[in-house]
Amino acid sequence: MSDCLFCKIIAGEIPSTRVYEDELVFAFRDINPMAPTHVLVVPKAHAASLAEADALDDRTLAACLRACGKVAAQEGLTGGFRVVSNCGSDACQSVPHLHFHVLGGKKMSEGMA
């Protein structure tokens, strides 16, 4: 999608700090980190959110989740990590491209809402 921020990052049109990449997934550091480690894992194929996950094949969705684990291991998050995907405006999704936040590097709060 030509006007999508994350599609432009994946294409290299906007700089990012790449953490992980394979044929289906791109992961980069969040520019506004909410934890000592905050990496965004995005599919290279565009889908606006989990609500539109049917636009992606199962291989791509599985690759996203596997990449979250790989990123956590690569970042040394041995004490644990959190994976979050905001979906829609009520959940504060700020970029309409499916993405998973991998957060860690500190004790996380118990609250999720």
Protein backbone atom coordinates (compact mmCIF):
# COMPACT_ATOMS: atom_id res chain seq x y z
CA MET A 1 0.00 0.00 0.00
CA SER A 2 1.71 3.17 -1.20
CA ASP A 3 0.64 5.52 1.62
CA CYS A 4 1.22 3.10 4.52
CA LEU A 5 3.99 4.15 6.92
CA PHE A 6 5.06 0.56 7.67
CA CYS A 7 5.00 -0.43 3.99
CA LYS A 8 7.38 2.49 3.36
CA ILE A 9 9.65 1.31 6.20
CA ILE A 10 9.67 -2.24 4.81
CA ALA A 11 10.53 -0.87 1.35
CA GLY A 12 13.42 1.15 2.80
CA GLU A 13 11.82 4.48 1.88
CA ILE A 14 11.76 5.52 5.55
CA PRO A 15 14.74 4.69 7.77
CA SER A 16 14.38 2.30 10.68
CA THR A 17 16.57 0.25 12.96
CA ARG A 18 16.09 -3.27 11.63
CA VAL A 19 16.24 -6.03 14.22
CA TYR A 20 15.08 -9.05 12.20
CA GLU A 21 14.02 -9.85 8.66
CA ASP A 22 13.05 -12.88 6.65
CA GLU A 23 11.08 -13.35 3.43
CA LEU A 24 7.71 -12.68 5.13
CA VAL A 25 8.44 -10.49 8.16
CA PHE A 26 10.28 -7.27 9.02
CA ALA A 27 11.04 -6.21 12.61
CA PHE A 28 12.38 -2.86 13.76
CA ARG A 29 12.76 -0.78 16.91
CA ASP A 30 9.82 1.37 17.92
CA ILE A 31 10.70 5.08 17.80
CA ASN A 32 8.64 5.71 20.96
CA PRO A 33 9.60 2.74 23.16
CA MET A 34 7.32 1.78 26.04
CA ALA A 35 9.87 -0.63 27.55
CA PRO A 36 13.66 -1.02 27.47
CA THR A 37 13.13 -3.39 24.53
CA HIS A 38 10.30 -2.43 22.17
CA VAL A 39 10.38 -3.97 18.71
CA LEU A 40 7.62 -3.96 16.10
CA VAL A 41 7.14 -7.14 14.08
CA VAL A 42 5.20 -6.59 10.84
CA PRO A 43 4.27 -8.79 7.92
CA LYS A 44 5.74 -7.59 4.64
CA ALA A 45 2.34 -8.10 3.03
CA HIS A 46 -0.16 -5.40 3.95
CA ALA A 47 -3.18 -6.03 6.14
CA ALA A 48 -4.59 -3.19 8.24
CA SER A 49 -4.97 -5.16 11.49
CA LEU A 50 -5.91 -8.53 12.95
CA ALA A 51 -9.48 -7.71 11.91
CA GLU A 52 -8.27 -8.12 8.32
CA ALA A 53 -6.02 -11.11 8.96
CA ASP A 54 -7.91 -13.08 6.29
CA ALA A 55 -6.00 -10.94 3.76
CA LEU A 56 -2.84 -12.81 4.77
CA ASP A 57 -2.05 -16.48 4.35
CA ASP A 58 -1.51 -18.70 7.36
CA ARG A 59 2.20 -19.00 6.61
CA THR A 60 2.63 -15.23 6.97
CA LEU A 61 0.64 -15.05 10.20
CA ALA A 62 2.63 -17.92 11.68
CA ALA A 63 5.88 -16.27 10.56
CA CYS A 64 4.91 -13.12 12.48
CA LEU A 65 4.42 -15.04 15.72
CA ARG A 66 7.60 -17.05 15.25
CA ALA A 67 9.48 -13.82 14.56
CA CYS A 68 8.24 -12.41 17.90
CA GLY A 69 9.91 -15.32 19.69
CA LYS A 70 13.08 -14.98 17.61
CA VAL A 71 13.28 -11.26 18.34
CA ALA A 72 12.81 -11.88 22.07
CA ALA A 73 15.60 -14.47 22.08
CA GLN A 74 17.88 -12.26 19.98
CA GLU A 75 17.25 -9.34 22.36
CA GLY A 76 18.08 -11.49 25.40
CA LEU A 77 14.62 -11.31 26.98
CA THR A 78 15.23 -14.43 29.08
CA GLY A 79 12.99 -13.26 31.96
CA GLY A 80 9.97 -13.01 29.71
CA PHE A 81 8.35 -10.64 27.26
CA ARG A 82 4.95 -9.38 26.17
CA VAL A 83 3.45 -9.44 22.67
CA VAL A 84 0.64 -6.99 21.91
CA SER A 85 -1.33 -6.21 18.77
CA ASN A 86 -3.67 -3.24 18.93
CA CYS A 87 -6.64 -3.50 16.59
CA GLY A 88 -8.60 -0.38 15.68
CA SER A 89 -8.96 3.10 17.11
CA ASP A 90 -10.50 2.02 20.45
CA ALA A 91 -7.36 -0.04 21.06
CA CYS A 92 -5.14 2.93 20.07
CA GLN A 93 -3.79 1.36 16.89
CA SER A 94 -1.82 4.27 15.42
CA VAL A 95 -0.63 2.73 12.13
CA PRO A 96 -3.11 0.77 10.00
CA HIS A 97 -0.73 -2.09 9.19
CA LEU A 98 -0.87 -5.27 11.27
CA HIS A 99 1.97 -5.23 13.77
CA PHE A 100 3.02 -6.94 16.95
CA HIS A 101 4.80 -5.08 19.75
CA VAL A 102 7.49 -7.19 21.45
CA LEU A 103 8.08 -5.59 24.84
CA GLY A 104 10.52 -6.57 27.56
CA GLY A 105 13.63 -5.80 29.47
CA LYS A 106 11.77 -4.97 32.70
CA LYS A 107 9.09 -6.38 34.96
CA MET A 108 5.82 -5.63 33.19
CA SER A 109 2.70 -4.42 34.99
CA GLU A 110 -0.12 -6.90 35.48
CA GLY A 111 -2.75 -4.60 34.03
CA MET A 112 -3.60 -4.79 30.37
CA ALA A 113 -6.36 -2.19 30.13
